[in-house]
């Protein structure tokens, strides 16, 4: 009987690797550099070598391993086909099939990295008590993953969970990175909050510590808001009102038991959650208005946990 498995979280710079027991215990974690040269041709070979070397080091045989799960920074269809990963140099090909071959035929499961992180939080993190949850990552951009009845929802082309590109402002003139205008990502990502702050400070000459901030970023906004600075509070509230708009759209479609908020911006903690929950409750259909909003708990390990969960 297989007692172990591997969860890999592949990024453009490194791949986080975890050896797990099938009960969900993280035995060991390490990182492998991502070789993006030659169109990323060596990435899977290098990762296979890392897994096989760890098995040899630990005295684990192929029969002891339930499989290897891997989260990829790009759209992934249910059959393991990746549809272009710009950061890796990959085009369209079946990662499950090729990685399994590199591993001597071991079982492999592949998922989008944001979806996989959501699955990790649903398995061993903030949403472990819920069968249906949605994770929203507030980082440089806004990503996410939808888990319904303990299953990742990938969509027809693997693009389900692109929460950052829900349109929340129909009067926006500046284009989002995706080419559309008024996307959620433009207002409550780290870069989006910094942009809201810059616009606010240019529009009014109110006195605020933000004008003297070493770096006018999301952290500065939330730090000053927690201290009670009126301008910072207004900016934080505006950002979380936009987030609430996105969440209420999602809630009306999939009605999750909980929203899990992760990413660098979520380090603002319970203050951020309270603002989002208050705005969400005001504007959401009554049947969904009591959906819990909570902070992610697995941090950067969520992708490894979710990748492991995929193979079980």
C-alpha atoms as a PDB file:
ATOM      1  CA  UNK A   1       0.000   0.000   0.000  1.00  0.00           C
ATOM      2  CA  UNK A   2       1.328   3.455  -0.955  1.00  0.00           C
ATOM      3  CA  UNK A   3       2.110   5.604   2.084  1.00  0.00           C
ATOM      4  CA  UNK A   4       3.747   8.598   0.415  1.00  0.00           C
ATOM      5  CA  UNK A   5       3.288  11.126  -2.365  1.00  0.00           C
ATOM      6  CA  UNK A   6       4.896  14.280  -3.739  1.00  0.00           C
ATOM      7  CA  UNK A   7       3.355  17.724  -4.122  1.00  0.00           C
ATOM      8  CA  UNK A   8       5.163  20.178  -6.439  1.00  0.00           C
ATOM      9  CA  UNK A   9       4.408  23.872  -6.884  1.00  0.00           C
ATOM     10  CA  UNK A  10       6.137  25.033 -10.065  1.00  0.00           C
ATOM     11  CA  UNK A  11       6.992  28.706 -10.537  1.00  0.00           C
ATOM     12  CA  UNK A  12       9.052  30.653 -13.039  1.00  0.00           C
ATOM     13  CA  UNK A  13      12.072  30.831 -10.711  1.00  0.00           C
ATOM     14  CA  UNK A  14      11.868  27.759  -8.488  1.00  0.00           C
ATOM     15  CA  UNK A  15       9.701  24.720  -7.846  1.00  0.00           C
ATOM     16  CA  UNK A  16       8.665  24.061  -4.246  1.00  0.00           C
ATOM     17  CA  UNK A  17       8.748  20.316  -3.628  1.00  0.00           C
ATOM     18  CA  UNK A  18       7.107  18.449  -0.764  1.00  0.00           C
ATOM     19  CA  UNK A  19       7.258  14.821   0.349  1.00  0.00           C
ATOM     20  CA  UNK A  20       4.009  13.920   2.105  1.00  0.00           C
ATOM     21  CA  UNK A  21       2.397  10.984   3.807  1.00  0.00           C
ATOM     22  CA  UNK A  22      -0.994  10.085   2.370  1.00  0.00           C
ATOM     23  CA  UNK A  23      -2.474  11.299   5.676  1.00  0.00           C
ATOM     24  CA  UNK A  24      -1.359  14.827   4.795  1.00  0.00           C
ATOM     25  CA  UNK A  25       1.776  15.181   6.902  1.00  0.00           C
ATOM     26  CA  UNK A  26       4.522  17.219   5.228  1.00  0.00           C
ATOM     27  CA  UNK A  27       7.632  15.096   5.800  1.00  0.00           C
ATOM     28  CA  UNK A  28      10.139  17.332   4.035  1.00  0.00           C
ATOM     29  CA  UNK A  29      10.207  20.275   1.652  1.00  0.00           C
ATOM     30  CA  UNK A  30      12.896  21.703  -0.594  1.00  0.00           C
ATOM     31  CA  UNK A  31      13.255  23.786  -3.751  1.00  0.00           C
ATOM     32  CA  UNK A  32      14.587  23.095  -7.239  1.00  0.00           C
ATOM     33  CA  UNK A  33      15.609  25.934  -9.628  1.00  0.00           C
ATOM     34  CA  UNK A  34      13.351  26.239 -12.682  1.00  0.00           C
ATOM     35  CA  UNK A  35      15.407  25.978 -15.859  1.00  0.00           C
ATOM     36  CA  UNK A  36      13.477  28.037 -18.416  1.00  0.00           C
ATOM     37  CA  UNK A  37      16.192  27.831 -21.084  1.00  0.00           C
ATOM     38  CA  UNK A  38      15.400  26.197 -24.428  1.00  0.00           C
ATOM     39  CA  UNK A  39      11.661  26.731 -23.983  1.00  0.00           C
ATOM     40  CA  UNK A  40      11.624  24.992 -20.605  1.00  0.00           C
ATOM     41  CA  UNK A  41      12.594  21.688 -22.221  1.00  0.00           C
ATOM     42  CA  UNK A  42      14.491  20.449 -19.145  1.00  0.00           C
ATOM     43  CA  UNK A  43      12.000  21.404 -16.437  1.00  0.00           C
ATOM     44  CA  UNK A  44      10.166  18.078 -16.149  1.00  0.00           C
ATOM     45  CA  UNK A  45      13.382  16.065 -16.411  1.00  0.00           C
ATOM     46  CA  UNK A  46      14.932  18.091 -13.582  1.00  0.00           C
ATOM     47  CA  UNK A  47      11.856  17.685 -11.386  1.00  0.00           C
ATOM     48  CA  UNK A  48      11.714  13.949 -12.064  1.00  0.00           C
ATOM     49  CA  UNK A  49      15.352  13.689 -11.039  1.00  0.00           C
ATOM     50  CA  UNK A  50      14.622  15.623  -7.826  1.00  0.00           C
ATOM     51  CA  UNK A  51      11.736  13.280  -6.936  1.00  0.00           C
ATOM     52  CA  UNK A  52      13.626  10.078  -7.758  1.00  0.00           C
ATOM     53  CA  UNK A  53      16.701  11.273  -5.863  1.00  0.00           C
ATOM     54  CA  UNK A  54      14.576  12.011  -2.781  1.00  0.00           C
ATOM     55  CA  UNK A  55      12.982   8.562  -3.011  1.00  0.00           C
ATOM     56  CA  UNK A  56      16.411   6.948  -3.123  1.00  0.00           C
ATOM     57  CA  UNK A  57      17.616   9.080  -0.217  1.00  0.00           C
ATOM     58  CA  UNK A  58      14.613   8.076   1.915  1.00  0.00           C
ATOM     59  CA  UNK A  59      14.570   4.435   0.825  1.00  0.00           C
ATOM     60  CA  UNK A  60      11.127   4.834  -0.758  1.00  0.00           C
ATOM     61  CA  UNK A  61      10.177   2.584  -3.683  1.00  0.00           C
ATOM     62  CA  UNK A  62       7.719   3.324  -6.490  1.00  0.00           C
ATOM     63  CA  UNK A  63       5.221   0.988  -4.802  1.00  0.00           C
ATOM     64  CA  UNK A  64       5.355   3.247  -1.728  1.00  0.00           C
ATOM     65  CA  UNK A  65       4.367   6.334  -3.762  1.00  0.00           C
ATOM     66  CA  UNK A  66       0.734   7.103  -4.606  1.00  0.00           C
ATOM     67  CA  UNK A  67       1.814   9.628  -7.234  1.00  0.00           C
ATOM     68  CA  UNK A  68       3.166  13.090  -7.945  1.00  0.00           C
ATOM     69  CA  UNK A  69       0.961  16.175  -8.165  1.00  0.00           C
ATOM     70  CA  UNK A  70       2.156  19.404  -9.748  1.00  0.00           C
ATOM     71  CA  UNK A  71       0.732  22.928  -9.875  1.00  0.00           C
ATOM     72  CA  UNK A  72       1.535  24.885 -13.053  1.00  0.00           C
ATOM     73  CA  UNK A  73       1.392  28.696 -13.635  1.00  0.00           C
ATOM     74  CA  UNK A  74      -1.051  28.535 -16.536  1.00  0.00           C
ATOM     75  CA  UNK A  75      -4.351  27.059 -17.761  1.00  0.00           C
ATOM     76  CA  UNK A  76      -4.587  23.269 -17.416  1.00  0.00           C
ATOM     77  CA  UNK A  77      -7.383  21.085 -18.785  1.00  0.00           C
ATOM     78  CA  UNK A  78      -8.732  18.100 -16.857  1.00  0.00           C
ATOM     79  CA  UNK A  79      -6.703  15.651 -18.935  1.00  0.00           C
ATOM     80  CA  UNK A  80      -3.416  17.310 -17.932  1.00  0.00           C
ATOM     81  CA  UNK A  81      -2.823  19.383 -21.067  1.00  0.00           C
ATOM     82  CA  UNK A  82      -1.185  22.760 -20.415  1.00  0.00           C
ATOM     83  CA  UNK A  83      -2.280  25.579 -22.713  1.00  0.00           C
ATOM     84  CA  UNK A  84       0.784  27.864 -22.796  1.00  0.00           C
ATOM     85  CA  UNK A  85       2.802  28.854 -19.730  1.00  0.00           C
ATOM     86  CA  UNK A  86       4.559  32.064 -20.724  1.00  0.00           C
ATOM     87  CA  UNK A  87       6.757  32.174 -17.595  1.00  0.00           C
ATOM     88  CA  UNK A  88       8.083  28.687 -18.350  1.00  0.00           C
ATOM     89  CA  UNK A  89       8.405  28.976 -22.118  1.00  0.00           C
ATOM     90  CA  UNK A  90       5.892  26.143 -22.637  1.00  0.00           C
ATOM     91  CA  UNK A  91       3.385  25.854 -25.461  1.00  0.00           C
ATOM     92  CA  UNK A  92       0.572  23.297 -25.547  1.00  0.00           C
ATOM     93  CA  UNK A  93       1.389  19.742 -24.450  1.00  0.00           C
ATOM     94  CA  UNK A  94       0.286  16.966 -22.114  1.00  0.00           C
ATOM     95  CA  UNK A  95       2.305  17.490 -18.931  1.00  0.00           C
ATOM     96  CA  UNK A  96       0.697  14.528 -17.151  1.00  0.00           C
ATOM     97  CA  UNK A  97       1.781  12.116 -19.855  1.00  0.00           C
ATOM     98  CA  UNK A  98       5.313  13.471 -20.306  1.00  0.00           C
ATOM     99  CA  UNK A  99       6.054  13.854 -16.596  1.00  0.00           C
ATOM    100  CA  UNK A 100       4.781  10.345 -15.897  1.00  0.00           C
ATOM    101  CA  UNK A 101       7.158   9.020 -18.538  1.00  0.00           C
ATOM    102  CA  UNK A 102      10.061  10.901 -16.897  1.00  0.00           C
ATOM    103  CA  UNK A 103       9.100   9.237 -13.604  1.00  0.00           C
ATOM    104  CA  UNK A 104       9.037   5.732 -15.000  1.00  0.00           C
ATOM    105  CA  UNK A 105       5.259   5.519 -15.267  1.00  0.00           C
ATOM    106  CA  UNK A 106       4.265   6.886 -11.854  1.00  0.00           C
ATOM    107  CA  UNK A 107       0.804   8.441 -11.527  1.00  0.00           C
ATOM    108  CA  UNK A 108       0.863  12.205 -12.181  1.00  0.00           C
ATOM    109  CA  UNK A 109      -1.853  14.839 -11.745  1.00  0.00           C
ATOM    110  CA  UNK A 110      -1.517  18.418 -13.002  1.00  0.00           C
ATOM    111  CA  UNK A 111      -3.472  21.535 -12.070  1.00  0.00           C
ATOM    112  CA  UNK A 112      -3.343  25.313 -12.340  1.00  0.00           C
ATOM    113  CA  UNK A 113      -1.257  26.696  -9.474  1.00  0.00           C
ATOM    114  CA  UNK A 114      -3.994  28.959  -8.069  1.00  0.00           C
ATOM    115  CA  UNK A 115      -6.590  26.172  -8.231  1.00  0.00           C
ATOM    116  CA  UNK A 116      -4.158  23.808  -6.559  1.00  0.00           C
ATOM    117  CA  UNK A 117      -3.445  26.301  -3.756  1.00  0.00           C
ATOM    118  CA  UNK A 118      -7.209  26.535  -3.183  1.00  0.00           C
ATOM    119  CA  UNK A 119      -7.361  22.748  -2.956  1.00  0.00           C
ATOM    120  CA  UNK A 120      -4.519  22.811  -0.421  1.00  0.00           C
ATOM    121  CA  UNK A 121      -6.411  25.249   1.807  1.00  0.00           C
ATOM    122  CA  UNK A 122      -9.532  23.114   1.404  1.00  0.00           C
ATOM    123  CA  UNK A 123      -7.636  19.978   2.421  1.00  0.00           C
ATOM    124  CA  UNK A 124      -5.396  21.076   5.282  1.00  0.00           C
ATOM    125  CA  UNK A 125      -5.848  24.818   5.632  1.00  0.00           C
ATOM    126  CA  UNK A 126      -8.443  27.466   6.382  1.00  0.00           C
ATOM    127  CA  UNK A 127     -11.260  25.703   4.494  1.00  0.00           C
ATOM    128  CA  UNK A 128     -10.678  22.150   5.746  1.00  0.00           C
ATOM    129  CA  UNK A 129     -14.071  22.126   7.468  1.00  0.00           C
ATOM    130  CA  UNK A 130     -15.907  23.009   4.239  1.00  0.00           C
ATOM    131  CA  UNK A 131     -16.596  20.937   1.133  1.00  0.00           C
ATOM    132  CA  UNK A 132     -17.144  24.044  -1.044  1.00  0.00           C
ATOM    133  CA  UNK A 133     -14.867  27.075  -0.874  1.00  0.00           C
ATOM    134  CA  UNK A 134     -13.299  29.732  -3.061  1.00  0.00           C
ATOM    135  CA  UNK A 135      -9.749  30.973  -2.540  1.00  0.00           C
ATOM    136  CA  UNK A 136      -8.789  34.488  -3.619  1.00  0.00           C
ATOM    137  CA  UNK A 137      -5.106  35.407  -3.745  1.00  0.00           C
ATOM    138  CA  UNK A 138      -4.359  39.116  -3.469  1.00  0.00           C
ATOM    139  CA  UNK A 139      -0.796  39.457  -4.709  1.00  0.00           C
ATOM    140  CA  UNK A 140       0.802  41.389  -7.565  1.00  0.00           C
ATOM    141  CA  UNK A 141      -2.360  40.345  -9.387  1.00  0.00           C
ATOM    142  CA  UNK A 142      -5.524  38.623  -8.199  1.00  0.00           C
ATOM    143  CA  UNK A 143      -5.941  34.885  -8.728  1.00  0.00           C
ATOM    144  CA  UNK A 144      -8.110  32.200  -7.267  1.00  0.00           C
ATOM    145  CA  UNK A 145      -9.525  28.732  -7.284  1.00  0.00           C
ATOM    146  CA  UNK A 146     -12.999  27.264  -6.896  1.00  0.00           C
ATOM    147  CA  UNK A 147     -13.583  24.053  -4.943  1.00  0.00           C
ATOM    148  CA  UNK A 148     -17.076  22.553  -5.085  1.00  0.00           C
ATOM    149  CA  UNK A 149     -17.818  19.308  -3.241  1.00  0.00           C
ATOM    150  CA  UNK A 150     -14.062  18.786  -2.705  1.00  0.00           C
ATOM    151  CA  UNK A 151     -13.339  19.054  -6.443  1.00  0.00           C
ATOM    152  CA  UNK A 152     -11.423  21.715  -8.371  1.00  0.00           C
ATOM    153  CA  UNK A 153     -13.609  23.428 -10.962  1.00  0.00           C
ATOM    154  CA  UNK A 154     -11.381  23.943 -13.999  1.00  0.00           C
ATOM    155  CA  UNK A 155     -13.908  25.010 -16.643  1.00  0.00           C
ATOM    156  CA  UNK A 156     -13.992  24.239 -20.360  1.00  0.00           C
ATOM    157  CA  UNK A 157     -10.518  25.611 -21.113  1.00  0.00           C
ATOM    158  CA  UNK A 158      -8.905  25.468 -17.670  1.00  0.00           C
ATOM    159  CA  UNK A 159      -9.554  29.177 -17.029  1.00  0.00           C
ATOM    160  CA  UNK A 160     -12.095  28.833 -14.200  1.00  0.00           C
ATOM    161  CA  UNK A 161     -11.050  30.741 -11.083  1.00  0.00           C
ATOM    162  CA  UNK A 162      -9.678  33.776 -12.952  1.00  0.00           C
ATOM    163  CA  UNK A 163     -11.268  35.903 -10.243  1.00  0.00           C
ATOM    164  CA  UNK A 164      -9.033  38.895 -10.889  1.00  0.00           C
ATOM    165  CA  UNK A 165     -10.738  39.476 -14.219  1.00  0.00           C
ATOM    166  CA  UNK A 166     -14.295  39.813 -12.986  1.00  0.00           C
ATOM    167  CA  UNK A 167     -15.376  43.266 -14.133  1.00  0.00           C
ATOM    168  CA  UNK A 168     -16.299  45.498 -11.199  1.00  0.00           C
ATOM    169  CA  UNK A 169     -16.006  49.008 -12.656  1.00  0.00           C
ATOM    170  CA  UNK A 170     -17.696  49.932 -15.926  1.00  0.00           C
ATOM    171  CA  UNK A 171     -16.303  53.486 -15.989  1.00  0.00           C
ATOM    172  CA  UNK A 172     -12.594  52.563 -15.784  1.00  0.00           C
ATOM    173  CA  UNK A 173     -10.481  54.100 -18.553  1.00  0.00           C
ATOM    174  CA  UNK A 174      -7.168  52.366 -17.830  1.00  0.00           C
ATOM    175  CA  UNK A 175      -6.674  48.871 -19.273  1.00  0.00           C
ATOM    176  CA  UNK A 176      -5.918  45.867 -17.103  1.00  0.00           C
ATOM    177  CA  UNK A 177      -2.986  43.629 -18.037  1.00  0.00           C
ATOM    178  CA  UNK A 178      -5.503  41.288 -19.698  1.00  0.00           C
ATOM    179  CA  UNK A 179      -6.596  44.077 -22.068  1.00  0.00           C
ATOM    180  CA  UNK A 180     -10.039  44.671 -20.588  1.00  0.00           C
ATOM    181  CA  UNK A 181     -10.968  47.581 -18.307  1.00  0.00           C
ATOM    182  CA  UNK A 182     -12.346  47.616 -14.775  1.00  0.00           C
ATOM    183  CA  UNK A 183     -11.088  44.194 -13.646  1.00  0.00           C
ATOM    184  CA  UNK A 184     -11.028  43.373  -9.926  1.00  0.00           C
ATOM    185  CA  UNK A 185      -7.254  43.017 -10.171  1.00  0.00           C
ATOM    186  CA  UNK A 186      -6.971  46.748 -10.886  1.00  0.00           C
ATOM    187  CA  UNK A 187      -8.288  47.657  -7.425  1.00  0.00           C
ATOM    188  CA  UNK A 188      -7.478  45.068  -4.769  1.00  0.00           C
ATOM    189  CA  UNK A 189      -4.201  43.505  -5.855  1.00  0.00           C
ATOM    190  CA  UNK A 190      -1.053  44.931  -4.262  1.00  0.00           C
ATOM    191  CA  UNK A 191      -0.460  47.035  -7.379  1.00  0.00           C
ATOM    192  CA  UNK A 192      -4.148  47.968  -7.553  1.00  0.00           C
ATOM    193  CA  UNK A 193      -4.257  49.266  -3.973  1.00  0.00           C
ATOM    194  CA  UNK A 194      -1.081  51.278  -4.577  1.00  0.00           C
ATOM    195  CA  UNK A 195      -2.774  52.752  -7.649  1.00  0.00           C
ATOM    196  CA  UNK A 196      -5.905  53.676  -5.665  1.00  0.00           C
ATOM    197  CA  UNK A 197      -3.675  55.389  -3.095  1.00  0.00           C
ATOM    198  CA  UNK A 198      -1.786  57.356  -5.753  1.00  0.00           C
ATOM    199  CA  UNK A 199      -5.048  58.513  -7.364  1.00  0.00           C
ATOM    200  CA  UNK A 200      -6.483  59.515  -3.970  1.00  0.00           C
ATOM    201  CA  UNK A 201      -3.402  61.548  -2.989  1.00  0.00           C
ATOM    202  CA  UNK A 202      -3.332  63.322  -6.359  1.00  0.00           C
ATOM    203  CA  UNK A 203      -7.020  64.172  -6.178  1.00  0.00           C
ATOM    204  CA  UNK A 204      -6.961  65.800  -2.706  1.00  0.00           C
ATOM    205  CA  UNK A 205      -4.397  67.575  -0.585  1.00  0.00           C
ATOM    206  CA  UNK A 206      -5.501  66.065   2.752  1.00  0.00           C
ATOM    207  CA  UNK A 207      -2.793  65.636   5.340  1.00  0.00           C
ATOM    208  CA  UNK A 208      -1.838  61.963   5.703  1.00  0.00           C
ATOM    209  CA  UNK A 209       1.284  60.001   6.677  1.00  0.00           C
ATOM    210  CA  UNK A 210       0.960  58.243   3.324  1.00  0.00           C
ATOM    211  CA  UNK A 211       2.453  61.301   1.647  1.00  0.00           C
ATOM    212  CA  UNK A 212       5.690  60.646   3.501  1.00  0.00           C
ATOM    213  CA  UNK A 213       5.640  56.875   3.115  1.00  0.00           C
ATOM    214  CA  UNK A 214       8.951  55.403   2.014  1.00  0.00           C
ATOM    215  CA  UNK A 215       6.945  53.296  -0.404  1.00  0.00           C
ATOM    216  CA  UNK A 216       3.309  54.014  -1.233  1.00  0.00           C
ATOM    217  CA  UNK A 217       2.120  50.411  -1.346  1.00  0.00           C
ATOM    218  CA  UNK A 218      -0.672  48.211   0.022  1.00  0.00           C
ATOM    219  CA  UNK A 219       1.230  47.557   3.245  1.00  0.00           C
ATOM    220  CA  UNK A 220       1.616  51.281   3.932  1.00  0.00           C
ATOM    221  CA  UNK A 221      -2.102  51.826   3.285  1.00  0.00           C
ATOM    222  CA  UNK A 222      -3.232  49.102   5.684  1.00  0.00           C
ATOM    223  CA  UNK A 223      -0.616  49.970   8.318  1.00  0.00           C
ATOM    224  CA  UNK A 224      -1.820  53.581   8.439  1.00  0.00           C
ATOM    225  CA  UNK A 225      -5.485  52.576   8.225  1.00  0.00           C
ATOM    226  CA  UNK A 226      -5.076  50.409  11.330  1.00  0.00           C
ATOM    227  CA  UNK A 227      -3.656  53.439  13.128  1.00  0.00           C
ATOM    228  CA  UNK A 228      -6.799  55.385  12.198  1.00  0.00           C
ATOM    229  CA  UNK A 229      -5.524  57.660   9.427  1.00  0.00           C
ATOM    230  CA  UNK A 230      -8.662  58.897   7.668  1.00  0.00           C
ATOM    231  CA  UNK A 231      -7.238  58.874   4.131  1.00  0.00           C
ATOM    232  CA  UNK A 232      -5.724  55.403   4.507  1.00  0.00           C
ATOM    233  CA  UNK A 233      -9.013  54.090   5.915  1.00  0.00           C
ATOM    234  CA  UNK A 234     -10.883  55.463   2.880  1.00  0.00           C
ATOM    235  CA  UNK A 235      -8.462  53.783   0.470  1.00  0.00           C
ATOM    236  CA  UNK A 236      -8.599  50.456   2.328  1.00  0.00           C
ATOM    237  CA  UNK A 237     -12.395  50.587   2.426  1.00  0.00           C
ATOM    238  CA  UNK A 238     -12.548  51.381  -1.302  1.00  0.00           C
ATOM    239  CA  UNK A 239     -10.309  48.417  -2.160  1.00  0.00           C
ATOM    240  CA  UNK A 240     -12.341  46.033   0.000  1.00  0.00           C
ATOM    241  CA  UNK A 241     -15.614  47.322  -1.461  1.00  0.00           C
ATOM    242  CA  UNK A 242     -14.305  46.312  -4.876  1.00  0.00           C
ATOM    243  CA  UNK A 243     -13.274  42.916  -3.487  1.00  0.00           C
ATOM    244  CA  UNK A 244     -16.754  42.480  -2.018  1.00  0.00           C
ATOM    245  CA  UNK A 245     -18.278  43.225  -5.432  1.00  0.00           C
ATOM    246  CA  UNK A 246     -16.243  40.408  -6.948  1.00  0.00           C
ATOM    247  CA  UNK A 247     -17.093  38.002  -4.129  1.00  0.00           C
ATOM    248  CA  UNK A 248     -20.820  38.682  -4.342  1.00  0.00           C
ATOM    249  CA  UNK A 249     -20.771  37.804  -8.051  1.00  0.00           C
ATOM    250  CA  UNK A 250     -19.004  34.515  -7.275  1.00  0.00           C
ATOM    251  CA  UNK A 251     -21.348  33.752  -4.378  1.00  0.00           C
ATOM    252  CA  UNK A 252     -24.407  34.158  -6.586  1.00  0.00           C
ATOM    253  CA  UNK A 253     -22.996  31.614  -9.039  1.00  0.00           C
ATOM    254  CA  UNK A 254     -21.409  28.899  -6.861  1.00  0.00           C
ATOM    255  CA  UNK A 255     -22.629  29.719  -3.311  1.00  0.00           C
ATOM    256  CA  UNK A 256     -19.519  28.508  -1.427  1.00  0.00           C
ATOM    257  CA  UNK A 257     -19.434  27.950   2.307  1.00  0.00           C
ATOM    258  CA  UNK A 258     -16.351  30.141   2.654  1.00  0.00           C
ATOM    259  CA  UNK A 259     -14.013  32.534   0.871  1.00  0.00           C
ATOM    260  CA  UNK A 260     -10.337  32.100   1.785  1.00  0.00           C
ATOM    261  CA  UNK A 261      -8.171  35.190   1.271  1.00  0.00           C
ATOM    262  CA  UNK A 262      -4.446  34.664   0.681  1.00  0.00           C
ATOM    263  CA  UNK A 263      -1.516  36.362  -1.028  1.00  0.00           C
ATOM    264  CA  UNK A 264       0.764  39.156   0.173  1.00  0.00           C
ATOM    265  CA  UNK A 265      -2.025  41.712   0.716  1.00  0.00           C
ATOM    266  CA  UNK A 266      -3.751  39.319   3.138  1.00  0.00           C
ATOM    267  CA  UNK A 267      -0.926  39.997   5.617  1.00  0.00           C
ATOM    268  CA  UNK A 268      -3.072  42.987   6.611  1.00  0.00           C
ATOM    269  CA  UNK A 269      -4.890  40.319   8.621  1.00  0.00           C
ATOM    270  CA  UNK A 270      -8.256  40.471  10.330  1.00  0.00           C
ATOM    271  CA  UNK A 271      -8.610  44.198   9.645  1.00  0.00           C
ATOM    272  CA  UNK A 272      -8.810  43.430   5.913  1.00  0.00           C
ATOM    273  CA  UNK A 273     -11.231  40.538   6.504  1.00  0.00           C
ATOM    274  CA  UNK A 274     -13.560  42.675   8.637  1.00  0.00           C
ATOM    275  CA  UNK A 275     -13.738  45.391   5.968  1.00  0.00           C
ATOM    276  CA  UNK A 276     -14.432  42.846   3.211  1.00  0.00           C
ATOM    277  CA  UNK A 277     -17.043  40.976   5.282  1.00  0.00           C
ATOM    278  CA  UNK A 278     -18.905  44.190   6.137  1.00  0.00           C
ATOM    279  CA  UNK A 279     -19.071  45.351   2.514  1.00  0.00           C
ATOM    280  CA  UNK A 280     -19.957  41.857   1.264  1.00  0.00           C
ATOM    281  CA  UNK A 281     -22.883  41.508   3.654  1.00  0.00           C
ATOM    282  CA  UNK A 282     -24.346  44.843   2.520  1.00  0.00           C
ATOM    283  CA  UNK A 283     -24.443  44.066  -1.202  1.00  0.00           C
ATOM    284  CA  UNK A 284     -24.919  40.290  -1.453  1.00  0.00           C
ATOM    285  CA  UNK A 285     -28.112  38.335  -2.120  1.00  0.00           C
ATOM    286  CA  UNK A 286     -29.594  37.334   1.254  1.00  0.00           C
ATOM    287  CA  UNK A 287     -29.183  33.610   0.599  1.00  0.00           C
ATOM    288  CA  UNK A 288     -25.410  34.070   0.304  1.00  0.00           C
ATOM    289  CA  UNK A 289     -24.776  37.073   2.563  1.00  0.00           C
ATOM    290  CA  UNK A 290     -23.551  35.048   5.552  1.00  0.00           C
ATOM    291  CA  UNK A 291     -20.767  33.309   3.627  1.00  0.00           C
ATOM    292  CA  UNK A 292     -17.673  33.248   5.829  1.00  0.00           C
ATOM    293  CA  UNK A 293     -14.607  35.222   4.708  1.00  0.00           C
ATOM    294  CA  UNK A 294     -11.392  34.047   6.335  1.00  0.00           C
ATOM    295  CA  UNK A 295      -7.607  34.248   6.032  1.00  0.00           C
ATOM    296  CA  UNK A 296      -5.569  31.499   4.360  1.00  0.00           C
ATOM    297  CA  UNK A 297      -3.348  29.567   6.782  1.00  0.00           C
ATOM    298  CA  UNK A 298      -0.899  27.530   4.668  1.00  0.00           C
ATOM    299  CA  UNK A 299       1.009  30.458   3.180  1.00  0.00           C
ATOM    300  CA  UNK A 300       3.485  29.497   0.446  1.00  0.00           C
ATOM    301  CA  UNK A 301       2.978  25.789   1.174  1.00  0.00           C
ATOM    302  CA  UNK A 302      -0.639  25.742  -0.050  1.00  0.00           C
ATOM    303  CA  UNK A 303       0.363  24.761  -3.608  1.00  0.00           C
ATOM    304  CA  UNK A 304       2.368  21.766  -2.398  1.00  0.00           C
ATOM    305  CA  UNK A 305      -0.499  20.558  -0.203  1.00  0.00           C
ATOM    306  CA  UNK A 306      -3.012  20.964  -3.029  1.00  0.00           C
ATOM    307  CA  UNK A 307      -0.774  19.160  -5.505  1.00  0.00           C
ATOM    308  CA  UNK A 308      -0.501  16.242  -3.096  1.00  0.00           C
ATOM    309  CA  UNK A 309      -4.254  16.236  -2.575  1.00  0.00           C
ATOM    310  CA  UNK A 310      -4.868  15.934  -6.332  1.00  0.00           C
ATOM    311  CA  UNK A 311      -3.277  12.490  -6.491  1.00  0.00           C
ATOM    312  CA  UNK A 312      -5.303  11.054  -3.598  1.00  0.00           C
END
